[in-house]
Amino acid sequence: MKTGVPSGVEDVGAAAEDRGKGINPPRIRAGAPKQRTSKEHCPGLI
């Protein structure tokens, strides 16, 4: 039912917002803090 690139991007955005603390820390921990970037970079990354 879900085919195409946009579908995957939307899924990732929802999953990132739902988990927030599962996909953010590992990615933001690479350079910036995980408390401020975890919520401000989530929507910006996508």
PDB file of N, CA and C in Angstrom:
ATOM      1  N   MET A   1       0.845  -1.202   0.000  1.00  0.00           N
ATOM      2  CA  MET A   1       0.000   0.000   0.000  1.00  0.00           C
ATOM      3  C   MET A   1       0.884   1.257   0.000  1.00  0.00           C
ATOM      4  N   LYS A   2       2.100   1.115   0.527  1.00  0.00           N
ATOM      5  CA  LYS A   2       2.998   2.291   0.554  1.00  0.00           C
ATOM      6  C   LYS A   2       4.146   2.081  -0.430  1.00  0.00           C
ATOM      7  N   THR A   3       4.137   2.831  -1.525  1.00  0.00           N
ATOM      8  CA  THR A   3       5.235   2.657  -2.494  1.00  0.00           C
ATOM      9  C   THR A   3       5.750   4.024  -2.926  1.00  0.00           C
ATOM     10  N   GLY A   4       7.048   4.162  -3.064  1.00  0.00           N
ATOM     11  CA  GLY A   4       7.604   5.451  -3.480  1.00  0.00           C
ATOM     12  C   GLY A   4       8.520   6.037  -2.419  1.00  0.00           C
ATOM     13  N   VAL A   5       9.224   7.063  -2.780  1.00  0.00           N
ATOM     14  CA  VAL A   5      10.159   7.665  -1.810  1.00  0.00           C
ATOM     15  C   VAL A   5       9.426   8.544  -0.798  1.00  0.00           C
ATOM     16  N   PRO A   6       8.483   9.367  -1.226  1.00  0.00           N
ATOM     17  CA  PRO A   6       7.764  10.252  -0.289  1.00  0.00           C
ATOM     18  C   PRO A   6       7.119   9.453   0.841  1.00  0.00           C
ATOM     19  N   SER A   7       6.594   8.285   0.511  1.00  0.00           N
ATOM     20  CA  SER A   7       5.934   7.478   1.553  1.00  0.00           C
ATOM     21  C   SER A   7       6.942   7.146   2.647  1.00  0.00           C
ATOM     22  N   GLY A   8       8.135   6.741   2.256  1.00  0.00           N
ATOM     23  CA  GLY A   8       9.151   6.367   3.252  1.00  0.00           C
ATOM     24  C   GLY A   8       9.542   7.582   4.086  1.00  0.00           C
ATOM     25  N   VAL A   9       9.646   8.716   3.460  1.00  0.00           N
ATOM     26  CA  VAL A   9      10.056   9.929   4.204  1.00  0.00           C
ATOM     27  C   VAL A   9       9.001  10.280   5.238  1.00  0.00           C
ATOM     28  N   GLU A  10       7.755  10.152   4.868  1.00  0.00           N
ATOM     29  CA  GLU A  10       6.684  10.481   5.833  1.00  0.00           C
ATOM     30  C   GLU A  10       6.722   9.508   7.000  1.00  0.00           C
ATOM     31  N   ASP A  11       6.981   8.253   6.698  1.00  0.00           N
ATOM     32  CA  ASP A  11       7.035   7.238   7.759  1.00  0.00           C
ATOM     33  C   ASP A  11       8.177   7.570   8.719  1.00  0.00           C
ATOM     34  N   VAL A  12       9.289   7.964   8.170  1.00  0.00           N
ATOM     35  CA  VAL A  12      10.453   8.270   9.023  1.00  0.00           C
ATOM     36  C   VAL A  12      10.144   9.462   9.922  1.00  0.00           C
ATOM     37  N   GLY A  13       9.471  10.451   9.384  1.00  0.00           N
ATOM     38  CA  GLY A  13       9.132  11.643  10.194  1.00  0.00           C
ATOM     39  C   GLY A  13       8.222  11.263  11.352  1.00  0.00           C
ATOM     40  N   ALA A  14       7.233  10.451  11.087  1.00  0.00           N
ATOM     41  CA  ALA A  14       6.296  10.043  12.153  1.00  0.00           C
ATOM     42  C   ALA A  14       7.035   9.193  13.179  1.00  0.00           C
ATOM     43  N   ALA A  15       7.888   8.309  12.706  1.00  0.00           N
ATOM     44  CA  ALA A  15       8.628   7.423  13.636  1.00  0.00           C
ATOM     45  C   ALA A  15       9.595   8.264  14.472  1.00  0.00           C
ATOM     46  N   ALA A  16      10.239   9.211  13.852  1.00  0.00           N
ATOM     47  CA  ALA A  16      11.206  10.044  14.585  1.00  0.00           C
ATOM     48  C   ALA A  16      10.480  10.869  15.646  1.00  0.00           C
ATOM     49  N   GLU A  17       9.311  11.365  15.300  1.00  0.00           N
ATOM     50  CA  GLU A  17       8.563  12.164  16.287  1.00  0.00           C
ATOM     51  C   GLU A  17       8.012  11.261  17.382  1.00  0.00           C
ATOM     52  N   ASP A  18       7.598  10.071  16.986  1.00  0.00           N
ATOM     53  CA  ASP A  18       7.043   9.134  17.986  1.00  0.00           C
ATOM     54  C   ASP A  18       8.147   8.686  18.934  1.00  0.00           C
ATOM     55  N   ARG A  19       9.283   8.305  18.398  1.00  0.00           N
ATOM     56  CA  ARG A  19      10.387   7.818  19.258  1.00  0.00           C
ATOM     57  C   ARG A  19      11.168   9.036  19.754  1.00  0.00           C
ATOM     58  N   GLY A  20      11.536   9.917  18.863  1.00  0.00           N
ATOM     59  CA  GLY A  20      12.238  11.136  19.309  1.00  0.00           C
ATOM     60  C   GLY A  20      13.502  10.803  20.082  1.00  0.00           C
ATOM     61  N   LYS A  21      13.382   9.963  21.073  1.00  0.00           N
ATOM     62  CA  LYS A  21      14.570   9.650  21.890  1.00  0.00           C
ATOM     63  C   LYS A  21      15.246   8.372  21.403  1.00  0.00           C
ATOM     64  N   GLY A  22      14.755   7.803  20.332  1.00  0.00           N
ATOM     65  CA  GLY A  22      15.361   6.547  19.851  1.00  0.00           C
ATOM     66  C   GLY A  22      16.244   6.790  18.632  1.00  0.00           C
ATOM     67  N   ILE A  23      15.812   7.692  17.751  1.00  0.00           N
ATOM     68  CA  ILE A  23      16.608   7.926  16.528  1.00  0.00           C
ATOM     69  C   ILE A  23      17.378   9.245  16.648  1.00  0.00           C
ATOM     70  N   ASN A  24      17.008  10.076  17.589  1.00  0.00           N
ATOM     71  CA  ASN A  24      17.686  11.377  17.704  1.00  0.00           C
ATOM     72  C   ASN A  24      19.026  11.278  18.434  1.00  0.00           C
ATOM     73  N   PRO A  25      19.048  10.776  19.642  1.00  0.00           N
ATOM     74  CA  PRO A  25      20.295  10.730  20.415  1.00  0.00           C
ATOM     75  C   PRO A  25      21.485  10.228  19.590  1.00  0.00           C
ATOM     76  N   PRO A  26      21.369   9.101  18.931  1.00  0.00           N
ATOM     77  CA  PRO A  26      22.489   8.562  18.148  1.00  0.00           C
ATOM     78  C   PRO A  26      22.921   9.518  17.035  1.00  0.00           C
ATOM     79  N   ARG A  27      21.980  10.203  16.435  1.00  0.00           N
ATOM     80  CA  ARG A  27      22.328  11.077  15.289  1.00  0.00           C
ATOM     81  C   ARG A  27      22.800  12.427  15.813  1.00  0.00           C
ATOM     82  N   ILE A  28      22.137  12.993  16.761  1.00  0.00           N
ATOM     83  CA  ILE A  28      22.519  14.325  17.249  1.00  0.00           C
ATOM     84  C   ILE A  28      23.753  14.213  18.154  1.00  0.00           C
ATOM     85  N   ARG A  29      23.858  13.104  18.847  1.00  0.00           N
ATOM     86  CA  ARG A  29      25.000  12.922  19.764  1.00  0.00           C
ATOM     87  C   ARG A  29      26.313  13.042  18.969  1.00  0.00           C
ATOM     88  N   ALA A  30      26.238  12.948  17.666  1.00  0.00           N
ATOM     89  CA  ALA A  30      27.460  12.987  16.855  1.00  0.00           C
ATOM     90  C   ALA A  30      28.080  14.389  16.919  1.00  0.00           C
ATOM     91  N   GLY A  31      27.276  15.426  17.085  1.00  0.00           N
ATOM     92  CA  GLY A  31      27.872  16.770  17.076  1.00  0.00           C
ATOM     93  C   GLY A  31      27.205  17.720  18.060  1.00  0.00           C
ATOM     94  N   ALA A  32      25.899  17.665  18.163  1.00  0.00           N
ATOM     95  CA  ALA A  32      25.212  18.630  19.050  1.00  0.00           C
ATOM     96  C   ALA A  32      24.542  17.915  20.223  1.00  0.00           C
ATOM     97  N   PRO A  33      24.068  18.651  21.182  1.00  0.00           N
ATOM     98  CA  PRO A  33      23.394  18.059  22.351  1.00  0.00           C
ATOM     99  C   PRO A  33      22.152  17.297  21.953  1.00  0.00           C
ATOM    100  N   LYS A  34      21.667  16.451  22.803  1.00  0.00           N
ATOM    101  CA  LYS A  34      20.475  15.661  22.444  1.00  0.00           C
ATOM    102  C   LYS A  34      19.234  16.227  23.119  1.00  0.00           C
ATOM    103  N   GLN A  35      19.371  17.225  23.947  1.00  0.00           N
ATOM    104  CA  GLN A  35      18.175  17.776  24.604  1.00  0.00           C
ATOM    105  C   GLN A  35      17.570  18.893  23.752  1.00  0.00           C
ATOM    106  N   ARG A  36      18.394  19.720  23.154  1.00  0.00           N
ATOM    107  CA  ARG A  36      17.873  20.838  22.351  1.00  0.00           C
ATOM    108  C   ARG A  36      17.720  20.366  20.898  1.00  0.00           C
ATOM    109  N   THR A  37      18.705  19.689  20.371  1.00  0.00           N
ATOM    110  CA  THR A  37      18.617  19.274  18.960  1.00  0.00           C
ATOM    111  C   THR A  37      17.590  18.168  18.799  1.00  0.00           C
ATOM    112  N   SER A  38      17.424  17.359  19.823  1.00  0.00           N
ATOM    113  CA  SER A  38      16.491  16.221  19.681  1.00  0.00           C
ATOM    114  C   SER A  38      15.112  16.730  19.279  1.00  0.00           C
ATOM    115  N   LYS A  39      14.750  17.941  19.691  1.00  0.00           N
ATOM    116  CA  LYS A  39      13.390  18.427  19.350  1.00  0.00           C
ATOM    117  C   LYS A  39      13.453  19.471  18.236  1.00  0.00           C
ATOM    118  N   GLU A  40      14.563  20.154  18.095  1.00  0.00           N
ATOM    119  CA  GLU A  40      14.636  21.206  17.064  1.00  0.00           C
ATOM    120  C   GLU A  40      15.187  20.637  15.755  1.00  0.00           C
ATOM    121  N   HIS A  41      15.955  19.587  15.816  1.00  0.00           N
ATOM    122  CA  HIS A  41      16.525  19.019  14.587  1.00  0.00           C
ATOM    123  C   HIS A  41      15.611  17.956  13.998  1.00  0.00           C
ATOM    124  N   CYS A  42      14.742  17.418  14.802  1.00  0.00           N
ATOM    125  CA  CYS A  42      13.828  16.361  14.307  1.00  0.00           C
ATOM    126  C   CYS A  42      13.099  16.858  13.057  1.00  0.00           C
ATOM    127  N   PRO A  43      12.349  17.941  13.151  1.00  0.00           N
ATOM    128  CA  PRO A  43      11.606  18.457  12.001  1.00  0.00           C
ATOM    129  C   PRO A  43      12.530  19.088  10.970  1.00  0.00           C
ATOM    130  N   GLY A  44      13.682  19.553  11.380  1.00  0.00           N
ATOM    131  CA  GLY A  44      14.604  20.197  10.438  1.00  0.00           C
ATOM    132  C   GLY A  44      15.329  19.168   9.578  1.00  0.00           C
ATOM    133  N   LEU A  45      15.685  18.046  10.172  1.00  0.00           N
ATOM    134  CA  LEU A  45      16.400  17.002   9.409  1.00  0.00           C
ATOM    135  C   LEU A  45      15.535  16.546   8.249  1.00  0.00           C
ATOM    136  N   ILE A  46      14.250  16.407   8.492  1.00  0.00           N
ATOM    137  CA  ILE A  46      13.342  15.913   7.434  1.00  0.00           C
ATOM    138  C   ILE A  46      12.732  17.121   6.770  1.00  0.00           C
TER     139      ILE A  46
END
